[in-house]
Amino acid sequence: MPHLLQINYKSSVPRAEFEKGFDAVAAQIAQVPGLRWKIWLLNQVESRGGGIYLFDDEESARAYLEGPIIAAMKSLPILSELSVTSSSVLEEPTAITRGPIEETLVRR
């Protein structure tokens, strides 16, 4: 069953400085086993960012949360208030409302 994570955090640096490493981080995240996609989030007014991730299953999502990328995020002094919401996806009603739960892009 597909599994969704939403990770949010507060950043203490301006957007331009914060985004400097996003391409490299995005390339690492794209290689995470079981990840179908990630949507990057930004609220400039509140200096908050985050992401919504769709994984193949709960095990893949849990492995990501326990892995090196999240460990690195937790160690960054520019990030605070890290929060995670973890949920299973109800596939049938999500498909009816056109939720992007089917993998549509070929992985590189």
PDB file of N, CA and C in Angstrom:
ATOM      1  N   MET A   1       0.847  -1.184   0.000  1.00  0.00           N
ATOM      2  CA  MET A   1       0.000   0.000   0.000  1.00  0.00           C
ATOM      3  C   MET A   1       0.889   1.241   0.000  1.00  0.00           C
ATOM      4  N   PRO A   2       0.633   2.206  -0.884  1.00  0.00           N
ATOM      5  CA  PRO A   2       1.438   3.442  -0.910  1.00  0.00           C
ATOM      6  C   PRO A   2       1.402   4.148   0.444  1.00  0.00           C
ATOM      7  N   HIS A   3       2.494   4.815   0.749  1.00  0.00           N
ATOM      8  CA  HIS A   3       2.615   5.490   2.029  1.00  0.00           C
ATOM      9  C   HIS A   3       3.106   6.923   1.817  1.00  0.00           C
ATOM     10  N   LEU A   4       2.492   7.852   2.534  1.00  0.00           N
ATOM     11  CA  LEU A   4       2.793   9.271   2.385  1.00  0.00           C
ATOM     12  C   LEU A   4       3.485   9.797   3.632  1.00  0.00           C
ATOM     13  N   LEU A   5       4.528  10.595   3.410  1.00  0.00           N
ATOM     14  CA  LEU A   5       5.173  11.335   4.499  1.00  0.00           C
ATOM     15  C   LEU A   5       5.047  12.816   4.207  1.00  0.00           C
ATOM     16  N   GLN A   6       4.808  13.597   5.233  1.00  0.00           N
ATOM     17  CA  GLN A   6       4.942  15.040   5.124  1.00  0.00           C
ATOM     18  C   GLN A   6       5.926  15.470   6.191  1.00  0.00           C
ATOM     19  N   ILE A   7       6.995  16.111   5.735  1.00  0.00           N
ATOM     20  CA  ILE A   7       8.039  16.592   6.635  1.00  0.00           C
ATOM     21  C   ILE A   7       8.066  18.108   6.548  1.00  0.00           C
ATOM     22  N   ASN A   8       7.991  18.773   7.684  1.00  0.00           N
ATOM     23  CA  ASN A   8       8.014  20.231   7.740  1.00  0.00           C
ATOM     24  C   ASN A   8       9.108  20.682   8.698  1.00  0.00           C
ATOM     25  N   TYR A   9       9.597  21.893   8.477  1.00  0.00           N
ATOM     26  CA  TYR A   9      10.639  22.441   9.327  1.00  0.00           C
ATOM     27  C   TYR A   9      10.647  23.959   9.190  1.00  0.00           C
ATOM     28  N   LYS A  10      11.318  24.605  10.115  1.00  0.00           N
ATOM     29  CA  LYS A  10      11.528  26.049  10.072  1.00  0.00           C
ATOM     30  C   LYS A  10      12.986  26.288   9.721  1.00  0.00           C
ATOM     31  N   SER A  11      13.245  27.286   8.889  1.00  0.00           N
ATOM     32  CA  SER A  11      14.600  27.621   8.475  1.00  0.00           C
ATOM     33  C   SER A  11      14.981  28.982   9.043  1.00  0.00           C
ATOM     34  N   SER A  12      16.245  29.106   9.437  1.00  0.00           N
ATOM     35  CA  SER A  12      16.706  30.367  10.030  1.00  0.00           C
ATOM     36  C   SER A  12      17.531  31.214   9.057  1.00  0.00           C
ATOM     37  N   VAL A  13      17.579  30.830   7.786  1.00  0.00           N
ATOM     38  CA  VAL A  13      18.359  31.586   6.799  1.00  0.00           C
ATOM     39  C   VAL A  13      17.448  32.032   5.659  1.00  0.00           C
ATOM     40  N   PRO A  14      17.842  33.074   4.920  1.00  0.00           N
ATOM     41  CA  PRO A  14      17.040  33.536   3.789  1.00  0.00           C
ATOM     42  C   PRO A  14      16.905  32.451   2.707  1.00  0.00           C
ATOM     43  N   ARG A  15      15.847  32.537   1.952  1.00  0.00           N
ATOM     44  CA  ARG A  15      15.536  31.539   0.926  1.00  0.00           C
ATOM     45  C   ARG A  15      16.709  31.278  -0.019  1.00  0.00           C
ATOM     46  N   ALA A  16      17.331  32.303  -0.541  1.00  0.00           N
ATOM     47  CA  ALA A  16      18.415  32.131  -1.517  1.00  0.00           C
ATOM     48  C   ALA A  16      19.553  31.297  -0.933  1.00  0.00           C
ATOM     49  N   GLU A  17      19.907  31.567   0.307  1.00  0.00           N
ATOM     50  CA  GLU A  17      20.975  30.805   0.951  1.00  0.00           C
ATOM     51  C   GLU A  17      20.538  29.363   1.199  1.00  0.00           C
ATOM     52  N   PHE A  18      19.308  29.205   1.627  1.00  0.00           N
ATOM     53  CA  PHE A  18      18.782  27.888   1.941  1.00  0.00           C
ATOM     54  C   PHE A  18      18.712  26.991   0.700  1.00  0.00           C
ATOM     55  N   GLU A  19      18.358  27.562  -0.448  1.00  0.00           N
ATOM     56  CA  GLU A  19      18.170  26.783  -1.672  1.00  0.00           C
ATOM     57  C   GLU A  19      19.472  26.415  -2.385  1.00  0.00           C
ATOM     58  N   LYS A  20      20.596  26.918  -1.932  1.00  0.00           N
ATOM     59  CA  LYS A  20      21.871  26.662  -2.614  1.00  0.00           C
ATOM     60  C   LYS A  20      22.149  25.177  -2.822  1.00  0.00           C
ATOM     61  N   GLY A  21      21.851  24.353  -1.875  1.00  0.00           N
ATOM     62  CA  GLY A  21      22.180  22.939  -1.999  1.00  0.00           C
ATOM     63  C   GLY A  21      21.040  22.048  -2.454  1.00  0.00           C
ATOM     64  N   PHE A  22      19.924  22.629  -2.844  1.00  0.00           N
ATOM     65  CA  PHE A  22      18.749  21.817  -3.163  1.00  0.00           C
ATOM     66  C   PHE A  22      18.964  20.846  -4.321  1.00  0.00           C
ATOM     67  N   ASP A  23      19.679  21.252  -5.363  1.00  0.00           N
ATOM     68  CA  ASP A  23      19.858  20.352  -6.507  1.00  0.00           C
ATOM     69  C   ASP A  23      20.602  19.086  -6.104  1.00  0.00           C
ATOM     70  N   ALA A  24      21.642  19.239  -5.322  1.00  0.00           N
ATOM     71  CA  ALA A  24      22.406  18.070  -4.879  1.00  0.00           C
ATOM     72  C   ALA A  24      21.568  17.184  -3.966  1.00  0.00           C
ATOM     73  N   VAL A  25      20.822  17.804  -3.066  1.00  0.00           N
ATOM     74  CA  VAL A  25      19.971  17.041  -2.152  1.00  0.00           C
ATOM     75  C   VAL A  25      18.857  16.357  -2.935  1.00  0.00           C
ATOM     76  N   ALA A  26      18.273  17.055  -3.890  1.00  0.00           N
ATOM     77  CA  ALA A  26      17.208  16.467  -4.705  1.00  0.00           C
ATOM     78  C   ALA A  26      17.714  15.231  -5.446  1.00  0.00           C
ATOM     79  N   ALA A  27      18.930  15.287  -5.956  1.00  0.00           N
ATOM     80  CA  ALA A  27      19.505  14.144  -6.665  1.00  0.00           C
ATOM     81  C   ALA A  27      19.679  12.955  -5.716  1.00  0.00           C
ATOM     82  N   GLN A  28      20.071  13.214  -4.473  1.00  0.00           N
ATOM     83  CA  GLN A  28      20.205  12.132  -3.483  1.00  0.00           C
ATOM     84  C   GLN A  28      18.843  11.540  -3.145  1.00  0.00           C
ATOM     85  N   ILE A  29      17.868  12.408  -2.914  1.00  0.00           N
ATOM     86  CA  ILE A  29      16.529  11.947  -2.558  1.00  0.00           C
ATOM     87  C   ILE A  29      15.917  11.140  -3.705  1.00  0.00           C
ATOM     88  N   ALA A  30      16.166  11.542  -4.930  1.00  0.00           N
ATOM     89  CA  ALA A  30      15.617  10.834  -6.097  1.00  0.00           C
ATOM     90  C   ALA A  30      16.085   9.382  -6.163  1.00  0.00           C
ATOM     91  N   GLN A  31      17.202   9.072  -5.503  1.00  0.00           N
ATOM     92  CA  GLN A  31      17.743   7.709  -5.522  1.00  0.00           C
ATOM     93  C   GLN A  31      17.272   6.845  -4.346  1.00  0.00           C
ATOM     94  N   VAL A  32      16.448   7.390  -3.483  1.00  0.00           N
ATOM     95  CA  VAL A  32      15.994   6.648  -2.304  1.00  0.00           C
ATOM     96  C   VAL A  32      15.117   5.474  -2.739  1.00  0.00           C
ATOM     97  N   PRO A  33      15.450   4.263  -2.297  1.00  0.00           N
ATOM     98  CA  PRO A  33      14.643   3.091  -2.660  1.00  0.00           C
ATOM     99  C   PRO A  33      13.195   3.234  -2.194  1.00  0.00           C
ATOM    100  N   GLY A  34      12.266   2.941  -3.083  1.00  0.00           N
ATOM    101  CA  GLY A  34      10.847   2.970  -2.755  1.00  0.00           C
ATOM    102  C   GLY A  34      10.185   4.325  -2.905  1.00  0.00           C
ATOM    103  N   LEU A  35      10.942   5.384  -3.165  1.00  0.00           N
ATOM    104  CA  LEU A  35      10.349   6.712  -3.326  1.00  0.00           C
ATOM    105  C   LEU A  35       9.773   6.854  -4.728  1.00  0.00           C
ATOM    106  N   ARG A  36       8.508   7.198  -4.819  1.00  0.00           N
ATOM    107  CA  ARG A  36       7.880   7.455  -6.124  1.00  0.00           C
ATOM    108  C   ARG A  36       8.068   8.910  -6.536  1.00  0.00           C
ATOM    109  N   TRP A  37       7.841   9.823  -5.587  1.00  0.00           N
ATOM    110  CA  TRP A  37       8.028  11.248  -5.873  1.00  0.00           C
ATOM    111  C   TRP A  37       8.086  12.052  -4.588  1.00  0.00           C
ATOM    112  N   LYS A  38       8.567  13.282  -4.745  1.00  0.00           N
ATOM    113  CA  LYS A  38       8.574  14.254  -3.652  1.00  0.00           C
ATOM    114  C   LYS A  38       8.127  15.593  -4.218  1.00  0.00           C
ATOM    115  N   ILE A  39       7.292  16.277  -3.476  1.00  0.00           N
ATOM    116  CA  ILE A  39       6.910  17.657  -3.782  1.00  0.00           C
ATOM    117  C   ILE A  39       7.548  18.535  -2.716  1.00  0.00           C
ATOM    118  N   TRP A  40       8.298  19.539  -3.180  1.00  0.00           N
ATOM    119  CA  TRP A  40       8.997  20.454  -2.261  1.00  0.00           C
ATOM    120  C   TRP A  40       8.060  21.592  -1.876  1.00  0.00           C
ATOM    121  N   LEU A  41       8.070  21.969  -0.590  1.00  0.00           N
ATOM    122  CA  LEU A  41       7.186  23.015  -0.062  1.00  0.00           C
ATOM    123  C   LEU A  41       7.997  24.188   0.473  1.00  0.00           C
ATOM    124  N   LEU A  42       7.435  25.386   0.316  1.00  0.00           N
ATOM    125  CA  LEU A  42       8.072  26.588   0.860  1.00  0.00           C
ATOM    126  C   LEU A  42       7.009  27.612   1.227  1.00  0.00           C
ATOM    127  N   ASN A  43       7.112  28.132   2.439  1.00  0.00           N
ATOM    128  CA  ASN A  43       6.293  29.248   2.899  1.00  0.00           C
ATOM    129  C   ASN A  43       7.281  30.334   3.309  1.00  0.00           C
ATOM    130  N   GLN A  44       7.561  31.257   2.394  1.00  0.00           N
ATOM    131  CA  GLN A  44       8.564  32.301   2.643  1.00  0.00           C
ATOM    132  C   GLN A  44       8.178  33.210   3.789  1.00  0.00           C
ATOM    133  N   VAL A  45       6.908  33.532   3.913  1.00  0.00           N
ATOM    134  CA  VAL A  45       6.453  34.464   4.946  1.00  0.00           C
ATOM    135  C   VAL A  45       6.791  33.934   6.338  1.00  0.00           C
ATOM    136  N   GLU A  46       6.607  32.626   6.545  1.00  0.00           N
ATOM    137  CA  GLU A  46       6.856  32.033   7.861  1.00  0.00           C
ATOM    138  C   GLU A  46       8.212  31.334   7.969  1.00  0.00           C
ATOM    139  N   SER A  47       9.033  31.427   6.913  1.00  0.00           N
ATOM    140  CA  SER A  47      10.346  30.764   6.876  1.00  0.00           C
ATOM    141  C   SER A  47      10.225  29.266   7.149  1.00  0.00           C
ATOM    142  N   ARG A  48       9.250  28.665   6.513  1.00  0.00           N
ATOM    143  CA  ARG A  48       9.014  27.232   6.680  1.00  0.00           C
ATOM    144  C   ARG A  48       9.152  26.525   5.344  1.00  0.00           C
ATOM    145  N   GLY A  49       9.650  25.309   5.411  1.00  0.00           N
ATOM    146  CA  GLY A  49       9.777  24.481   4.222  1.00  0.00           C
ATOM    147  C   GLY A  49       9.404  23.063   4.557  1.00  0.00           C
ATOM    148  N   GLY A  50       9.490  22.221   3.544  1.00  0.00           N
ATOM    149  CA  GLY A  50       9.190  20.824   3.789  1.00  0.00           C
ATOM    150  C   GLY A  50       8.977  20.076   2.501  1.00  0.00           C
ATOM    151  N   GLY A  51       8.366  18.927   2.638  1.00  0.00           N
ATOM    152  CA  GLY A  51       8.100  18.117   1.472  1.00  0.00           C
ATOM    153  C   GLY A  51       7.016  17.097   1.742  1.00  0.00           C
ATOM    154  N   ILE A  52       6.383  16.691   0.658  1.00  0.00           N
ATOM    155  CA  ILE A  52       5.418  15.602   0.692  1.00  0.00           C
ATOM    156  C   ILE A  52       6.006  14.511  -0.181  1.00  0.00           C
ATOM    157  N   TYR A  53       6.105  13.314   0.369  1.00  0.00           N
ATOM    158  CA  TYR A  53       6.768  12.198  -0.283  1.00  0.00           C
ATOM    159  C   TYR A  53       5.776  11.046  -0.443  1.00  0.00           C
ATOM    160  N   LEU A  54       5.805  10.385  -1.589  1.00  0.00           N
ATOM    161  CA  LEU A  54       5.021   9.169  -1.761  1.00  0.00           C
ATOM    162  C   LEU A  54       5.984   8.002  -1.932  1.00  0.00           C
ATOM    163  N   PHE A  55       5.833   7.009  -1.065  1.00  0.00           N
ATOM    164  CA  PHE A  55       6.654   5.807  -1.093  1.00  0.00           C
ATOM    165  C   PHE A  55       5.811   4.614  -1.520  1.00  0.00           C
ATOM    166  N   ASP A  56       6.472   3.582  -1.999  1.00  0.00           N
ATOM    167  CA  ASP A  56       5.793   2.355  -2.396  1.00  0.00           C
ATOM    168  C   ASP A  56       5.062   1.706  -1.235  1.00  0.00           C
ATOM    169  N   ASP A  57       5.649   1.827  -0.035  1.00  0.00           N
ATOM    170  CA  ASP A  57       5.083   1.156   1.138  1.00  0.00           C
ATOM    171  C   ASP A  57       5.622   1.799   2.412  1.00  0.00           C
ATOM    172  N   GLU A  58       5.038   1.390   3.533  1.00  0.00           N
ATOM    173  CA  GLU A  58       5.424   1.956   4.824  1.00  0.00           C
ATOM    174  C   GLU A  58       6.872   1.622   5.179  1.00  0.00           C
ATOM    175  N   GLU A  59       7.340   0.442   4.805  1.00  0.00           N
ATOM    176  CA  GLU A  59       8.712   0.044   5.116  1.00  0.00           C
ATOM    177  C   GLU A  59       9.721   0.976   4.454  1.00  0.00           C
ATOM    178  N   SER A  60       9.474   1.345   3.192  1.00  0.00           N
ATOM    179  CA  SER A  60      10.365   2.264   2.477  1.00  0.00           C
ATOM    180  C   SER A  60      10.361   3.637   3.141  1.00  0.00           C
ATOM    181  N   ALA A  61       9.179   4.096   3.546  1.00  0.00           N
ATOM    182  CA  ALA A  61       9.072   5.398   4.214  1.00  0.00           C
ATOM    183  C   ALA A  61       9.821   5.380   5.542  1.00  0.00           C
ATOM    184  N   ARG A  62       9.670   4.301   6.293  1.00  0.00           N
ATOM    185  CA  ARG A  62      10.350   4.189   7.586  1.00  0.00           C
ATOM    186  C   ARG A  62      11.868   4.159   7.404  1.00  0.00           C
ATOM    187  N   ALA A  63      12.319   3.420   6.397  1.00  0.00           N
ATOM    188  CA  ALA A  63      13.758   3.361   6.133  1.00  0.00           C
ATOM    189  C   ALA A  63      14.305   4.743   5.788  1.00  0.00           C
ATOM    190  N   TYR A  64      13.549   5.531   5.034  1.00  0.00           N
ATOM    191  CA  TYR A  64      13.974   6.894   4.701  1.00  0.00           C
ATOM    192  C   TYR A  64      14.084   7.743   5.976  1.00  0.00           C
ATOM    193  N   LEU A  65      13.078   7.655   6.833  1.00  0.00           N
ATOM    194  CA  LEU A  65      13.093   8.436   8.072  1.00  0.00           C
ATOM    195  C   LEU A  65      14.251   8.054   8.982  1.00  0.00           C
ATOM    196  N   GLU A  66      14.680   6.812   8.924  1.00  0.00           N
ATOM    197  CA  GLU A  66      15.767   6.330   9.769  1.00  0.00           C
ATOM    198  C   GLU A  66      17.124   6.416   9.067  1.00  0.00           C
ATOM    199  N   GLY A  67      17.154   6.924   7.841  1.00  0.00           N
ATOM    200  CA  GLY A  67      18.370   6.932   7.042  1.00  0.00           C
ATOM    201  C   GLY A  67      19.205   8.197   7.154  1.00  0.00           C
ATOM    202  N   PRO A  68      20.248   8.266   6.331  1.00  0.00           N
ATOM    203  CA  PRO A  68      21.238   9.346   6.433  1.00  0.00           C
ATOM    204  C   PRO A  68      20.733  10.724   6.008  1.00  0.00           C
ATOM    205  N   ILE A  69      19.771  10.803   5.113  1.00  0.00           N
ATOM    206  CA  ILE A  69      19.298  12.124   4.666  1.00  0.00           C
ATOM    207  C   ILE A  69      18.571  12.836   5.806  1.00  0.00           C
ATOM    208  N   ILE A  70      17.684  12.129   6.469  1.00  0.00           N
ATOM    209  CA  ILE A  70      16.957  12.737   7.591  1.00  0.00           C
ATOM    210  C   ILE A  70      17.897  12.987   8.765  1.00  0.00           C
ATOM    211  N   ALA A  71      18.849  12.096   8.992  1.00  0.00           N
ATOM    212  CA  ALA A  71      19.838  12.321  10.053  1.00  0.00           C
ATOM    213  C   ALA A  71      20.606  13.609   9.784  1.00  0.00           C
ATOM    214  N   ALA A  72      20.976  13.838   8.530  1.00  0.00           N
ATOM    215  CA  ALA A  72      21.692  15.066   8.176  1.00  0.00           C
ATOM    216  C   ALA A  72      20.813  16.291   8.389  1.00  0.00           C
ATOM    217  N   MET A  73      19.535  16.192   8.013  1.00  0.00           N
ATOM    218  CA  MET A  73      18.608  17.315   8.232  1.00  0.00           C
ATOM    219  C   MET A  73      18.525  17.672   9.713  1.00  0.00           C
ATOM    220  N   LYS A  74      18.411  16.649  10.552  1.00  0.00           N
ATOM    221  CA  LYS A  74      18.280  16.876  11.993  1.00  0.00           C
ATOM    222  C   LYS A  74      19.516  17.533  12.586  1.00  0.00           C
ATOM    223  N   SER A  75      20.664  17.368  11.944  1.00  0.00           N
ATOM    224  CA  SER A  75      21.899  17.933  12.477  1.00  0.00           C
ATOM    225  C   SER A  75      22.172  19.352  11.987  1.00  0.00           C
ATOM    226  N   LEU A  76      21.395  19.847  11.047  1.00  0.00           N
ATOM    227  CA  LEU A  76      21.628  21.192  10.506  1.00  0.00           C
ATOM    228  C   LEU A  76      21.183  22.259  11.502  1.00  0.00           C
ATOM    229  N   PRO A  77      22.074  23.152  11.882  1.00  0.00           N
ATOM    230  CA  PRO A  77      21.689  24.198  12.835  1.00  0.00           C
ATOM    231  C   PRO A  77      20.712  25.219  12.258  1.00  0.00           C
ATOM    232  N   ILE A  78      20.578  25.271  10.933  1.00  0.00           N
ATOM    233  CA  ILE A  78      19.662  26.239  10.322  1.00  0.00           C
ATOM    234  C   ILE A  78      18.226  25.734  10.282  1.00  0.00           C
ATOM    235  N   LEU A  79      18.000  24.470  10.666  1.00  0.00           N
ATOM    236  CA  LEU A  79      16.648  23.910  10.678  1.00  0.00           C
ATOM    237  C   LEU A  79      16.200  23.663  12.108  1.00  0.00           C
ATOM    238  N   SER A  80      14.924  23.919  12.353  1.00  0.00           N
ATOM    239  CA  SER A  80      14.336  23.647  13.661  1.00  0.00           C
ATOM    240  C   SER A  80      12.887  23.224  13.461  1.00  0.00           C
ATOM    241  N   GLU A  81      12.262  22.826  14.537  1.00  0.00           N
ATOM    242  CA  GLU A  81      10.852  22.446  14.537  1.00  0.00           C
ATOM    243  C   GLU A  81      10.536  21.394  13.471  1.00  0.00           C
ATOM    244  N   LEU A  82      11.401  20.419  13.321  1.00  0.00           N
ATOM    245  CA  LEU A  82      11.186  19.341  12.362  1.00  0.00           C
ATOM    246  C   LEU A  82      10.005  18.490  12.818  1.00  0.00           C
ATOM    247  N   SER A  83       9.045  18.291  11.922  1.00  0.00           N
ATOM    248  CA  SER A  83       7.900  17.441  12.240  1.00  0.00           C
ATOM    249  C   SER A  83       7.624  16.505  11.075  1.00  0.00           C
ATOM    250  N   VAL A  84       7.119  15.335  11.403  1.00  0.00           N
ATOM    251  CA  VAL A  84       6.827  14.315  10.403  1.00  0.00           C
ATOM    252  C   VAL A  84       5.417  13.788  10.621  1.00  0.00           C
ATOM    253  N   THR A  85       4.656  13.707   9.531  1.00  0.00           N
ATOM    254  CA  THR A  85       3.362  13.041   9.534  1.00  0.00           C
ATOM    255  C   THR A  85       3.475  11.866   8.582  1.00  0.00           C
ATOM    256  N   SER A  86       3.059  10.700   9.030  1.00  0.00           N
ATOM    257  CA  SER A  86       3.172   9.473   8.258  1.00  0.00           C
ATOM    258  C   SER A  86       1.784   8.860   8.121  1.00  0.00           C
ATOM    259  N   SER A  87       1.372   8.550   6.871  1.00  0.00           N
ATOM    260  CA  SER A  87       0.018   8.044   6.638  1.00  0.00           C
ATOM    261  C   SER A  87      -0.023   7.057   5.490  1.00  0.00           C
ATOM    262  N   SER A  88      -0.886   6.060   5.627  1.00  0.00           N
ATOM    263  CA  SER A  88      -1.177   5.190   4.496  1.00  0.00           C
ATOM    264  C   SER A  88      -2.085   5.943   3.531  1.00  0.00           C
ATOM    265  N   VAL A  89      -2.037   5.557   2.264  1.00  0.00           N
ATOM    266  CA  VAL A  89      -2.858   6.195   1.241  1.00  0.00           C
ATOM    267  C   VAL A  89      -4.056   5.310   0.936  1.00  0.00           C
ATOM    268  N   LEU A  90      -5.240   5.878   0.958  1.00  0.00           N
ATOM    269  CA  LEU A  90      -6.446   5.171   0.544  1.00  0.00           C
ATOM    270  C   LEU A  90      -6.519   5.271  -0.975  1.00  0.00           C
ATOM    271  N   GLU A  91      -6.133   4.200  -1.657  1.00  0.00           N
ATOM    272  CA  GLU A  91      -5.933   4.249  -3.101  1.00  0.00           C
ATOM    273  C   GLU A  91      -7.207   4.504  -3.909  1.00  0.00           C
ATOM    274  N   GLU A  92      -8.307   3.826  -3.602  1.00  0.00           N
ATOM    275  CA  GLU A  92      -9.505   3.962  -4.434  1.00  0.00           C
ATOM    276  C   GLU A  92     -10.081   5.373  -4.429  1.00  0.00           C
ATOM    277  N   PRO A  93     -10.354   5.968  -3.258  1.00  0.00           N
ATOM    278  CA  PRO A  93     -10.879   7.337  -3.311  1.00  0.00           C
ATOM    279  C   PRO A  93      -9.853   8.339  -3.836  1.00  0.00           C
ATOM    280  N   THR A  94      -8.558   8.078  -3.597  1.00  0.00           N
ATOM    281  CA  THR A  94      -7.510   8.962  -4.120  1.00  0.00           C
ATOM    282  C   THR A  94      -7.505   8.929  -5.640  1.00  0.00           C
ATOM    283  N   ALA A  95      -7.679   7.761  -6.225  1.00  0.00           N
ATOM    284  CA  ALA A  95      -7.741   7.648  -7.690  1.00  0.00           C
ATOM    285  C   ALA A  95      -8.951   8.397  -8.246  1.00  0.00           C
ATOM    286  N   ILE A  96     -10.082   8.336  -7.554  1.00  0.00           N
ATOM    287  CA  ILE A  96     -11.286   9.041  -8.000  1.00  0.00           C
ATOM    288  C   ILE A  96     -11.057  10.548  -8.027  1.00  0.00           C
ATOM    289  N   THR A  97     -10.318  11.053  -7.055  1.00  0.00           N
ATOM    290  CA  THR A  97     -10.062  12.502  -6.987  1.00  0.00           C
ATOM    291  C   THR A  97      -8.760  12.894  -7.673  1.00  0.00           C
ATOM    292  N   ARG A  98      -8.231  12.003  -8.509  1.00  0.00           N
ATOM    293  CA  ARG A  98      -7.056  12.231  -9.350  1.00  0.00           C
ATOM    294  C   ARG A  98      -5.777  12.490  -8.555  1.00  0.00           C
ATOM    295  N   GLY A  99      -5.655  11.901  -7.392  1.00  0.00           N
ATOM    296  CA  GLY A  99      -4.407  11.996  -6.627  1.00  0.00           C
ATOM    297  C   GLY A  99      -3.288  11.296  -7.377  1.00  0.00           C
ATOM    298  N   PRO A 100      -2.115  11.871  -7.380  1.00  0.00           N
ATOM    299  CA  PRO A 100      -0.995  11.333  -8.172  1.00  0.00           C
ATOM    300  C   PRO A 100      -0.298  10.153  -7.492  1.00  0.00           C
ATOM    301  N   ILE A 101      -1.047   9.056  -7.297  1.00  0.00           N
ATOM    302  CA  ILE A 101      -0.433   7.931  -6.606  1.00  0.00           C
ATOM    303  C   ILE A 101       0.207   6.925  -7.557  1.00  0.00           C
ATOM    304  N   GLU A 102      -0.100   7.003  -8.824  1.00  0.00           N
ATOM    305  CA  GLU A 102       0.535   6.111  -9.791  1.00  0.00           C
ATOM    306  C   GLU A 102       1.838   6.740 -10.251  1.00  0.00           C
ATOM    307  N   GLU A 103       2.882   5.936 -10.358  1.00  0.00           N
ATOM    308  CA  GLU A 103       4.167   6.459 -10.819  1.00  0.00           C
ATOM    309  C   GLU A 103       4.040   6.770 -12.305  1.00  0.00           C
ATOM    310  N   THR A 104       4.269   8.035 -12.667  1.00  0.00           N
ATOM    311  CA  THR A 104       4.098   8.451 -14.065  1.00  0.00           C
ATOM    312  C   THR A 104       5.397   8.785 -14.770  1.00  0.00           C
ATOM    313  N   LEU A 105       6.470   8.891 -14.016  1.00  0.00           N
ATOM    314  CA  LEU A 105       7.760   9.229 -14.618  1.00  0.00           C
ATOM    315  C   LEU A 105       8.699   8.042 -14.510  1.00  0.00           C
ATOM    316  N   VAL A 106       9.479   7.851 -15.528  1.00  0.00           N
ATOM    317  CA  VAL A 106      10.472   6.785 -15.506  1.00  0.00           C
ATOM    318  C   VAL A 106      11.639   7.235 -14.651  1.00  0.00           C
ATOM    319  N   ARG A 107      12.074   6.372 -13.727  1.00  0.00           N
ATOM    320  CA  ARG A 107      13.232   6.723 -12.890  1.00  0.00           C
ATOM    321  C   ARG A 107      14.483   6.686 -13.721  1.00  0.00           C
ATOM    322  N   ARG A 108      15.387   7.574 -13.408  1.00  0.00           N
ATOM    323  CA  ARG A 108      16.651   7.644 -14.143  1.00  0.00           C
ATOM    324  C   ARG A 108      17.647   6.675 -13.592  1.00  0.00           C
TER     325      ARG A 108
END
